[in-house]
N, C-alpha and C. Protein backbone atom coordinates (compact mmCIF):
# COMPACT_ATOMS: atom_id res chain seq x y z
N MET A 1 140.32 214.12 235.94
CA MET A 1 139.27 214.48 236.88
C MET A 1 139.68 215.69 237.70
N LYS A 2 140.97 215.71 238.10
CA LYS A 2 141.46 216.81 238.90
C LYS A 2 141.45 218.10 238.08
N LYS A 3 141.77 218.03 236.78
CA LYS A 3 141.75 219.21 235.91
C LYS A 3 140.32 219.73 235.73
N LEU A 4 139.35 218.83 235.69
CA LEU A 4 137.95 219.22 235.53
C LEU A 4 137.47 220.00 236.75
N ILE A 5 137.83 219.56 237.93
CA ILE A 5 137.42 220.25 239.16
C ILE A 5 138.07 221.63 239.21
N ILE A 6 139.34 221.73 238.87
CA ILE A 6 140.03 223.02 238.86
C ILE A 6 139.38 223.95 237.82
N TYR A 7 139.05 223.39 236.67
CA TYR A 7 138.40 224.17 235.62
C TYR A 7 137.05 224.71 236.10
N ILE A 8 136.26 223.89 236.77
CA ILE A 8 134.94 224.30 237.27
C ILE A 8 135.11 225.39 238.33
N ILE A 9 136.07 225.24 239.22
CA ILE A 9 136.31 226.25 240.26
C ILE A 9 136.73 227.58 239.63
N VAL A 10 137.61 227.52 238.63
CA VAL A 10 138.06 228.74 237.95
C VAL A 10 136.89 229.44 237.26
N VAL A 11 136.03 228.67 236.61
CA VAL A 11 134.86 229.25 235.93
C VAL A 11 133.91 229.88 236.95
N ILE A 12 133.69 229.24 238.07
CA ILE A 12 132.80 229.78 239.10
C ILE A 12 133.38 231.07 239.68
N VAL A 13 134.66 231.06 240.02
CA VAL A 13 135.30 232.26 240.58
C VAL A 13 135.28 233.38 239.55
N PHE A 14 135.56 233.09 238.30
CA PHE A 14 135.52 234.10 237.24
C PHE A 14 134.12 234.68 237.09
N GLY A 15 133.12 233.82 237.16
CA GLY A 15 131.73 234.27 237.07
C GLY A 15 131.36 235.18 238.22
N ILE A 16 131.79 234.83 239.42
CA ILE A 16 131.49 235.67 240.59
C ILE A 16 132.19 237.02 240.48
N VAL A 17 133.45 237.01 240.07
CA VAL A 17 134.18 238.27 239.91
C VAL A 17 133.52 239.14 238.84
N CYS A 18 133.12 238.54 237.74
CA CYS A 18 132.45 239.31 236.68
C CYS A 18 131.12 239.88 237.17
N PHE A 19 130.38 239.10 237.93
CA PHE A 19 129.09 239.55 238.45
C PHE A 19 129.28 240.77 239.35
N PHE A 20 130.21 240.70 240.31
CA PHE A 20 130.44 241.82 241.22
C PHE A 20 131.02 243.03 240.49
N ALA A 21 131.87 242.80 239.52
CA ALA A 21 132.41 243.92 238.74
C ALA A 21 131.28 244.62 237.98
N TYR A 22 130.36 243.85 237.42
CA TYR A 22 129.22 244.43 236.71
C TYR A 22 128.31 245.21 237.66
N GLU A 23 128.06 244.66 238.84
CA GLU A 23 127.18 245.32 239.81
C GLU A 23 127.79 246.62 240.33
N PHE A 24 129.06 246.61 240.63
CA PHE A 24 129.70 247.81 241.18
C PHE A 24 129.99 248.85 240.11
N ALA A 25 130.23 248.41 238.91
CA ALA A 25 130.53 249.36 237.84
C ALA A 25 129.27 249.84 237.15
N GLY A 26 128.13 249.26 237.48
CA GLY A 26 126.88 249.66 236.85
C GLY A 26 126.53 251.10 237.19
N PHE A 27 126.30 251.91 236.19
CA PHE A 27 125.93 253.30 236.38
C PHE A 27 125.05 253.71 235.21
N THR A 28 124.34 254.78 235.43
CA THR A 28 123.53 255.31 234.33
C THR A 28 124.36 256.31 233.56
N MET A 29 124.30 256.21 232.27
CA MET A 29 125.10 257.08 231.41
C MET A 29 124.64 258.53 231.51
N PHE A 30 123.34 258.73 231.51
CA PHE A 30 122.79 260.08 231.55
C PHE A 30 121.81 260.18 232.71
N ASP A 31 122.24 260.80 233.80
CA ASP A 31 121.35 260.99 234.93
C ASP A 31 120.36 262.10 234.59
N VAL A 32 119.08 261.80 234.75
CA VAL A 32 118.05 262.79 234.48
C VAL A 32 117.66 263.44 235.80
N LYS A 33 117.96 264.71 235.91
CA LYS A 33 117.59 265.47 237.09
C LYS A 33 116.44 266.39 236.71
N ILE A 34 115.29 266.07 237.19
CA ILE A 34 114.12 266.91 236.93
C ILE A 34 114.16 268.07 237.92
N GLU A 35 114.20 269.28 237.41
CA GLU A 35 114.24 270.46 238.25
C GLU A 35 112.87 271.14 238.25
N LYS A 36 112.31 271.29 239.43
CA LYS A 36 111.02 271.97 239.54
C LYS A 36 111.26 273.47 239.45
N ILE A 37 110.63 274.09 238.48
CA ILE A 37 110.78 275.54 238.31
C ILE A 37 109.84 276.27 239.25
N THR A 38 108.57 275.93 239.16
CA THR A 38 107.58 276.58 240.03
C THR A 38 106.29 275.75 240.05
N GLU A 39 105.45 276.10 240.99
CA GLU A 39 104.12 275.50 241.10
C GLU A 39 103.12 276.63 241.12
N ILE A 40 102.11 276.55 240.27
CA ILE A 40 101.15 277.64 240.09
C ILE A 40 99.78 277.18 240.60
N LYS A 41 99.18 277.97 241.46
CA LYS A 41 97.82 277.70 241.92
C LYS A 41 96.86 278.25 240.87
N VAL A 42 95.98 277.39 240.39
CA VAL A 42 95.01 277.80 239.37
C VAL A 42 93.75 278.28 240.08
N PRO A 43 93.34 279.53 239.84
CA PRO A 43 92.13 280.04 240.49
C PRO A 43 90.89 279.25 240.06
N ASN A 44 90.01 279.04 241.00
CA ASN A 44 88.72 278.36 240.77
C ASN A 44 88.88 276.91 240.31
N LYS A 45 90.02 276.29 240.54
CA LYS A 45 90.23 274.88 240.18
C LYS A 45 90.78 274.15 241.40
N PHE A 46 90.67 272.83 241.38
CA PHE A 46 91.14 272.02 242.49
C PHE A 46 92.49 271.38 242.21
N TYR A 47 93.24 271.94 241.30
CA TYR A 47 94.56 271.41 240.99
C TYR A 47 95.54 272.56 240.83
N ARG A 48 96.81 272.18 240.74
CA ARG A 48 97.88 273.15 240.53
C ARG A 48 98.60 272.78 239.24
N ILE A 49 99.37 273.71 238.73
CA ILE A 49 100.19 273.48 237.54
C ILE A 49 101.65 273.51 237.97
N GLY A 50 102.41 272.51 237.57
CA GLY A 50 103.83 272.47 237.86
C GLY A 50 104.64 272.66 236.59
N LEU A 51 105.67 273.49 236.68
CA LEU A 51 106.58 273.69 235.56
C LEU A 51 107.92 273.06 235.93
N TYR A 52 108.43 272.21 235.03
CA TYR A 52 109.66 271.47 235.29
C TYR A 52 110.63 271.63 234.12
N TYR A 53 111.92 271.61 234.46
CA TYR A 53 112.97 271.60 233.44
C TYR A 53 113.60 270.21 233.43
N LEU A 54 113.66 269.61 232.24
CA LEU A 54 114.32 268.32 232.07
C LEU A 54 115.46 268.48 231.09
N PRO A 55 116.69 268.20 231.54
CA PRO A 55 117.84 268.36 230.64
C PRO A 55 117.83 267.32 229.54
N GLY A 56 118.48 267.64 228.46
CA GLY A 56 118.56 266.72 227.33
C GLY A 56 119.46 265.54 227.62
N ASN A 57 119.30 264.52 226.81
CA ASN A 57 120.16 263.34 226.91
C ASN A 57 120.42 262.83 225.49
N ALA A 58 120.73 261.58 225.37
CA ALA A 58 121.09 261.04 224.05
C ALA A 58 119.91 261.01 223.08
N THR A 59 118.70 260.95 223.59
CA THR A 59 117.54 260.80 222.71
C THR A 59 116.62 262.00 222.67
N SER A 60 116.84 262.98 223.53
CA SER A 60 115.96 264.15 223.52
C SER A 60 116.74 265.41 223.85
N GLN A 61 116.15 266.54 223.51
CA GLN A 61 116.76 267.83 223.81
C GLN A 61 116.22 268.33 225.14
N ASP A 62 116.79 269.44 225.61
CA ASP A 62 116.26 270.08 226.81
C ASP A 62 114.79 270.41 226.58
N TYR A 63 114.00 270.32 227.63
CA TYR A 63 112.61 270.76 227.45
C TYR A 63 111.98 271.17 228.76
N ILE A 64 110.96 271.99 228.63
CA ILE A 64 110.13 272.44 229.74
C ILE A 64 108.87 271.59 229.71
N GLN A 65 108.53 271.04 230.87
CA GLN A 65 107.36 270.18 230.96
C GLN A 65 106.32 270.85 231.85
N VAL A 66 105.06 270.82 231.39
CA VAL A 66 103.95 271.37 232.16
C VAL A 66 103.11 270.19 232.63
N LYS A 67 102.91 270.12 233.96
CA LYS A 67 102.14 269.02 234.55
C LYS A 67 100.95 269.57 235.33
N ARG A 68 99.90 268.81 235.29
CA ARG A 68 98.75 269.06 236.16
C ARG A 68 98.99 268.28 237.43
N LEU A 69 99.05 268.95 238.56
CA LEU A 69 99.33 268.32 239.84
C LEU A 69 98.04 268.19 240.64
N GLY A 70 97.78 267.01 241.10
CA GLY A 70 96.59 266.75 241.88
C GLY A 70 96.70 265.36 242.46
N ASN A 71 95.58 264.63 242.46
CA ASN A 71 95.61 263.24 242.93
C ASN A 71 96.54 262.40 242.07
N ARG A 72 96.51 262.67 240.78
CA ARG A 72 97.35 261.97 239.82
C ARG A 72 98.01 263.00 238.93
N ASP A 73 99.33 263.04 238.94
CA ASP A 73 100.04 264.01 238.09
C ASP A 73 99.88 263.61 236.63
N THR A 74 99.57 264.59 235.80
CA THR A 74 99.38 264.37 234.38
C THR A 74 100.22 265.35 233.58
N VAL A 75 100.97 264.84 232.62
CA VAL A 75 101.76 265.72 231.76
C VAL A 75 100.81 266.36 230.75
N LEU A 76 100.78 267.68 230.73
CA LEU A 76 99.93 268.39 229.79
C LEU A 76 100.65 268.70 228.48
N GLN A 77 101.92 269.10 228.59
CA GLN A 77 102.65 269.47 227.39
C GLN A 77 104.15 269.47 227.66
N ASN A 78 104.91 269.11 226.63
CA ASN A 78 106.37 269.22 226.65
C ASN A 78 106.77 270.22 225.58
N TYR A 79 107.65 271.14 225.96
CA TYR A 79 108.16 272.13 225.02
C TYR A 79 109.65 271.91 224.85
N GLU A 80 110.02 271.25 223.73
CA GLU A 80 111.42 270.93 223.47
C GLU A 80 112.20 272.16 223.04
N ARG A 81 113.50 272.09 223.24
CA ARG A 81 114.47 273.13 222.87
C ARG A 81 114.39 274.36 223.75
N TYR A 82 113.76 274.27 224.89
CA TYR A 82 113.71 275.38 225.83
C TYR A 82 114.32 274.93 227.15
N ASN A 83 114.99 275.86 227.82
CA ASN A 83 115.55 275.52 229.12
C ASN A 83 115.32 276.61 230.17
N PHE A 84 114.51 277.61 229.85
CA PHE A 84 114.28 278.70 230.78
C PHE A 84 112.88 279.27 230.58
N VAL A 85 112.19 279.50 231.70
CA VAL A 85 110.86 280.14 231.67
C VAL A 85 111.04 281.58 232.11
N SER A 86 110.86 282.51 231.17
CA SER A 86 111.02 283.93 231.48
C SER A 86 109.83 284.46 232.27
N ASP A 87 108.62 284.02 231.91
CA ASP A 87 107.42 284.53 232.57
C ASP A 87 106.29 283.54 232.37
N TYR A 88 105.33 283.58 233.26
CA TYR A 88 104.12 282.76 233.13
C TYR A 88 102.95 283.54 233.72
N ARG A 89 101.78 283.26 233.20
CA ARG A 89 100.58 283.93 233.70
C ARG A 89 99.36 283.11 233.31
N ILE A 90 98.40 283.04 234.22
CA ILE A 90 97.13 282.38 233.91
C ILE A 90 96.16 283.46 233.46
N ILE A 91 95.57 283.24 232.30
CA ILE A 91 94.66 284.21 231.69
C ILE A 91 93.25 283.64 231.68
N ASP A 92 92.32 284.37 232.28
CA ASP A 92 90.89 284.00 232.30
C ASP A 92 90.64 282.62 232.88
N ASP A 93 91.46 282.14 233.76
CA ASP A 93 91.33 280.85 234.44
C ASP A 93 91.33 279.64 233.50
N ILE A 94 91.56 279.85 232.21
CA ILE A 94 91.53 278.70 231.30
C ILE A 94 92.76 278.59 230.41
N ASN A 95 93.59 279.61 230.35
CA ASN A 95 94.79 279.58 229.51
C ASN A 95 96.03 279.89 230.33
N LEU A 96 97.08 279.18 230.03
CA LEU A 96 98.38 279.44 230.64
C LEU A 96 99.29 280.01 229.57
N ARG A 97 99.81 281.21 229.82
CA ARG A 97 100.75 281.82 228.89
C ARG A 97 102.16 281.65 229.44
N LEU A 98 103.02 281.09 228.62
CA LEU A 98 104.42 280.89 229.00
C LEU A 98 105.31 281.64 228.03
N ILE A 99 106.32 282.29 228.56
CA ILE A 99 107.36 282.88 227.72
C ILE A 99 108.60 282.04 227.96
N LEU A 100 109.01 281.31 226.92
CA LEU A 100 110.09 280.33 227.02
C LEU A 100 111.30 280.78 226.22
N ARG A 101 112.48 280.43 226.74
CA ARG A 101 113.73 280.78 226.05
C ARG A 101 114.66 279.58 226.05
N ASP A 102 115.55 279.61 225.09
CA ASP A 102 116.68 278.68 225.05
C ASP A 102 117.92 279.52 225.29
N THR A 103 118.48 279.45 226.48
CA THR A 103 119.60 280.32 226.84
C THR A 103 120.94 279.84 226.29
N THR A 104 120.97 278.68 225.64
CA THR A 104 122.23 278.21 225.07
C THR A 104 122.60 279.00 223.81
N PHE A 105 121.61 279.59 223.16
CA PHE A 105 121.85 280.42 221.99
C PHE A 105 121.45 281.85 222.32
N SER A 106 122.41 282.76 222.37
CA SER A 106 122.12 284.12 222.80
C SER A 106 121.31 284.91 221.76
N ASP A 107 121.39 284.51 220.50
CA ASP A 107 120.68 285.26 219.46
C ASP A 107 119.23 284.81 219.29
N ARG A 108 118.82 283.77 219.96
CA ARG A 108 117.45 283.28 219.83
C ARG A 108 116.52 284.05 220.77
N LYS A 109 115.43 284.55 220.23
CA LYS A 109 114.48 285.32 221.02
C LYS A 109 113.53 284.41 221.77
N ALA A 110 112.88 284.98 222.76
CA ALA A 110 111.91 284.24 223.55
C ALA A 110 110.66 283.97 222.73
N ASP A 111 110.03 282.84 223.01
CA ASP A 111 108.78 282.47 222.34
C ASP A 111 107.65 282.47 223.37
N THR A 112 106.49 282.91 222.93
CA THR A 112 105.31 282.90 223.77
C THR A 112 104.39 281.79 223.31
N VAL A 113 104.00 280.94 224.26
CA VAL A 113 103.10 279.83 223.95
C VAL A 113 101.89 279.89 224.88
N PHE A 114 100.78 279.41 224.38
CA PHE A 114 99.56 279.36 225.18
C PHE A 114 99.13 277.91 225.31
N LEU A 115 98.69 277.56 226.48
CA LEU A 115 98.22 276.21 226.76
C LEU A 115 96.85 276.30 227.40
N LYS A 116 95.87 275.64 226.79
CA LYS A 116 94.52 275.62 227.36
C LYS A 116 94.50 274.63 228.52
N LEU A 117 94.07 275.10 229.67
CA LEU A 117 94.06 274.28 230.88
C LEU A 117 92.83 273.39 230.89
N PRO A 118 92.95 272.21 231.45
CA PRO A 118 91.78 271.31 231.52
C PRO A 118 90.75 271.78 232.51
């Protein structure tokens, strides 16, 4: 009976130590830091466009994200393999032109993409 009580106490103490070790050692492997590049006011519209850089992690590559900012933020487009916005311009109030680059490869040229705004 005495061995059973000691065994139960050891199991409880071991469980508590394991729990606190798990809680204190808990960390995220890949911290995602969303970096806001810029916010663009869209003429004749009641919303703005936000450009964000999201670094890659284990399941995705670096990408530039375009969001519609307003009452409810909406992701319009993700452009993978890019980490730098060289230039942006709103054309005719309905198209967004982005010049995107991947600066990790020096021989890769910039790409121009067009996004139709809602």
